[in-house]
Amino acid sequence: SPDGLTATGTSSPLTVTGLTNGTAYTFSVTATNSAGNSSSSSASNSVTPIGAQTITFTNPGAQNIGTTPTLTASTSSGLAPSFTSSTTDVCTVTSGGVLSFVTTGSCTINADQAGNAAYSAAAQVSQTFDVNAVVAGAPVIGSATAGDAQASVSFTAPANNGGSAITSYTVTSSPD
């Protein structure tokens, strides 16, 4: 009860199928012999079946420093998954899936879905991918000071190193 679904068999336990996940049910039992059906037992305790769910979370592949991609995942239940990072020193993620990269390295993101009255929690799915460096931003030119057949050029390092330490600078004269 509700729905009047039944299961028939010759011994206990019997499994009633076709129930709706998230709906509370009680059950009663009758016995049948050659003389007919017994009266019904009293009602059982109330139980609420819940369905299993799975997460589909495809690896996003290598990503570049400076981007903020949004991850996508889905569940067999249709409930929205949430995301966490296992490598917050490399990458962070909002529960909605927006990634931010802290440095280059290996990033691991977990997709979870806690379930509700109709679905049990899904098994966590993790994806690991590389976060790559990109070309550094431009240095900020300071001033050039002339000397005897030379010039000393000052500048400030770029605000964005592209996720990798800058190993050298090159100053080029113009013309020539």
Protein backbone atom coordinates (compact mmCIF):
# COMPACT_ATOMS: atom_id res chain seq x y z
CA SER A 1 0.00 0.00 0.00
CA PRO A 2 -0.28 2.30 -1.89
CA ASP A 3 -0.53 0.91 -5.46
CA GLY A 4 -1.67 -2.65 -4.64
CA LEU A 5 1.41 -4.27 -6.16
CA THR A 6 1.89 -7.93 -5.20
CA ALA A 7 4.42 -10.73 -5.11
CA THR A 8 3.55 -14.41 -4.86
CA GLY A 9 5.67 -17.32 -3.76
CA THR A 10 5.92 -20.37 -1.53
CA SER A 11 8.23 -19.05 1.22
CA SER A 12 9.53 -15.93 2.93
CA PRO A 13 10.89 -13.48 1.93
CA LEU A 14 9.05 -12.29 -1.19
CA THR A 15 10.15 -9.26 -3.20
CA VAL A 16 7.56 -6.78 -4.46
CA THR A 17 8.84 -5.04 -7.62
CA GLY A 18 7.61 -2.01 -9.53
CA LEU A 19 7.57 0.29 -6.51
CA THR A 20 8.19 4.00 -6.98
CA ASN A 21 11.44 5.26 -5.48
CA GLY A 22 10.81 7.95 -2.87
CA THR A 23 7.31 6.69 -2.03
CA ALA A 24 6.62 5.17 1.41
CA TYR A 25 5.01 1.70 1.39
CA THR A 26 3.57 -0.72 3.93
CA PHE A 27 2.79 -4.38 3.22
CA SER A 28 0.43 -7.08 4.42
CA VAL A 29 0.54 -10.84 3.77
CA THR A 30 -2.14 -13.48 3.21
CA ALA A 31 -1.69 -17.23 3.16
CA THR A 32 -3.40 -19.44 0.59
CA ASN A 33 -4.14 -23.16 0.81
CA SER A 34 -6.60 -25.52 -0.87
CA ALA A 35 -9.41 -24.05 1.21
CA GLY A 36 -8.76 -20.44 0.14
CA ASN A 37 -7.13 -17.23 1.37
CA SER A 38 -6.48 -16.26 4.97
CA SER A 39 -7.27 -12.84 6.33
CA SER A 40 -4.52 -10.26 5.91
CA SER A 41 -1.75 -9.78 8.42
CA SER A 42 -1.40 -6.42 10.10
CA ALA A 43 0.58 -3.82 8.14
CA SER A 44 4.36 -3.96 8.10
CA ASN A 45 6.60 -1.08 9.03
CA SER A 46 6.83 1.67 6.43
CA VAL A 47 9.73 1.54 3.96
CA THR A 48 10.73 3.95 1.22
CA PRO A 49 12.65 2.41 -1.68
CA ILE A 50 15.46 4.49 -3.15
CA GLY A 51 17.14 4.02 -6.49
CA ALA A 52 20.80 3.77 -7.29
CA GLN A 53 22.42 6.46 -9.41
CA THR A 54 25.67 6.79 -11.30
CA ILE A 55 27.76 9.77 -12.38
CA THR A 56 29.10 10.28 -15.89
CA PHE A 57 32.11 12.64 -15.75
CA THR A 58 34.36 12.76 -18.80
CA ASN A 59 37.99 13.78 -18.37
CA PRO A 60 38.32 17.37 -19.67
CA GLY A 61 41.87 16.76 -20.95
CA ALA A 62 44.87 19.01 -20.45
CA GLN A 63 44.08 22.60 -19.50
CA ASN A 64 46.08 25.84 -19.66
CA ILE A 65 46.92 28.26 -16.86
CA GLY A 66 44.87 31.45 -17.14
CA THR A 67 41.67 29.78 -18.36
CA THR A 68 38.56 29.16 -16.25
CA PRO A 69 36.69 26.31 -17.95
CA THR A 70 33.44 24.92 -16.60
CA LEU A 71 33.31 21.17 -16.05
CA THR A 72 30.24 19.13 -16.89
CA ALA A 73 28.97 15.87 -15.45
CA SER A 74 25.60 14.17 -15.34
CA THR A 75 23.85 11.60 -13.19
CA SER A 76 21.52 8.78 -14.16
CA SER A 77 19.00 10.25 -11.69
CA GLY A 78 19.00 13.70 -13.27
CA LEU A 79 20.17 15.26 -9.97
CA ALA A 80 22.96 17.83 -10.28
CA PRO A 81 26.45 16.66 -9.30
CA SER A 82 28.88 18.85 -7.35
CA PHE A 83 32.65 19.15 -7.72
CA THR A 84 35.63 19.35 -5.37
CA SER A 85 39.39 19.44 -5.92
CA SER A 86 41.77 16.91 -4.36
CA THR A 87 44.73 19.05 -5.47
CA THR A 88 43.96 22.58 -4.26
CA ASP A 89 47.64 23.50 -4.55
CA VAL A 90 47.26 23.08 -8.36
CA CYS A 91 43.56 23.79 -9.03
CA THR A 92 40.36 24.81 -7.32
CA VAL A 93 36.77 24.34 -8.44
CA THR A 94 33.39 25.74 -7.43
CA SER A 95 30.63 23.25 -6.60
CA GLY A 96 29.12 24.25 -9.96
CA GLY A 97 32.27 23.19 -11.81
CA VAL A 98 34.14 26.42 -12.62
CA LEU A 99 37.89 25.65 -12.53
CA SER A 100 40.69 28.00 -11.48
CA PHE A 101 44.35 27.09 -11.80
CA VAL A 102 46.91 27.98 -9.14
CA THR A 103 49.99 26.54 -10.83
CA THR A 104 51.05 23.91 -13.35
CA GLY A 105 50.89 20.25 -12.42
CA SER A 106 48.39 17.44 -12.10
CA CYS A 107 44.83 18.44 -11.15
CA THR A 108 42.32 15.95 -9.71
CA ILE A 109 38.63 16.85 -9.60
CA ASN A 110 35.92 14.77 -7.88
CA ALA A 111 32.26 14.64 -8.95
CA ASP A 112 29.73 13.74 -6.23
CA GLN A 113 25.95 13.48 -5.89
CA ALA A 114 24.61 13.01 -2.34
CA GLY A 115 21.20 11.65 -3.32
CA ASN A 116 17.75 12.55 -2.01
CA ALA A 117 14.57 10.80 -0.85
CA ALA A 118 14.34 8.91 -4.16
CA TYR A 119 18.04 8.18 -4.87
CA SER A 120 20.97 6.97 -2.82
CA ALA A 121 24.33 8.74 -3.01
CA ALA A 122 26.31 8.05 -6.18
CA ALA A 123 29.82 6.65 -6.08
CA GLN A 124 32.35 9.47 -6.44
CA VAL A 125 34.00 9.79 -9.87
CA SER A 126 37.44 11.46 -10.14
CA GLN A 127 39.29 12.76 -13.18
CA THR A 128 42.96 13.77 -13.27
CA PHE A 129 44.46 15.97 -15.97
CA ASP A 130 47.50 18.18 -16.57
CA VAL A 131 47.56 21.95 -16.13
CA ASN A 132 50.03 23.42 -18.61
CA ALA A 133 52.02 26.65 -18.62
CA VAL A 134 51.32 29.28 -21.27
CA VAL A 135 53.43 32.10 -22.66
CA ALA A 136 54.12 34.73 -20.00
CA GLY A 137 52.58 38.17 -20.18
CA ALA A 138 54.62 41.07 -21.56
CA PRO A 139 57.13 42.79 -19.25
CA VAL A 140 56.45 46.46 -18.49
CA ILE A 141 59.11 48.68 -20.03
CA GLY A 142 60.77 51.15 -17.71
CA SER A 143 63.40 53.52 -19.04
CA ALA A 144 66.49 53.26 -21.21
CA THR A 145 69.67 55.04 -20.12
CA ALA A 146 72.30 55.77 -22.78
CA GLY A 147 75.98 55.01 -22.26
CA ASP A 148 79.07 54.80 -24.54
CA ALA A 149 77.84 52.62 -27.47
CA GLN A 150 75.31 50.96 -25.16
CA ALA A 151 72.07 51.46 -23.28
CA SER A 152 70.83 50.05 -20.00
CA VAL A 153 67.11 49.13 -20.22
CA SER A 154 65.02 48.71 -17.08
CA PHE A 155 61.72 46.86 -16.96
CA THR A 156 59.34 45.13 -14.56
CA ALA A 157 58.58 41.43 -14.76
CA PRO A 158 55.18 40.55 -16.25
CA ALA A 159 52.27 40.29 -13.86
CA ASN A 160 51.51 36.82 -15.23
CA ASN A 161 54.39 34.36 -15.60
CA GLY A 162 52.12 31.89 -17.46
CA GLY A 163 52.42 29.33 -14.68
CA SER A 164 56.15 28.75 -15.12
CA ALA A 165 59.21 30.58 -13.80
CA ILE A 166 60.69 33.05 -16.28
CA THR A 167 64.17 31.82 -17.21
CA SER A 168 65.44 34.79 -19.26
CA TYR A 169 64.62 38.16 -20.80
CA THR A 170 65.74 39.62 -24.12
CA VAL A 171 66.01 43.34 -24.84
CA THR A 172 66.01 44.22 -28.55
CA SER A 173 67.09 47.56 -30.02
CA SER A 174 65.24 49.40 -32.76
CA PRO A 175 66.25 50.11 -35.45
CA ASP A 176 68.37 47.07 -36.33
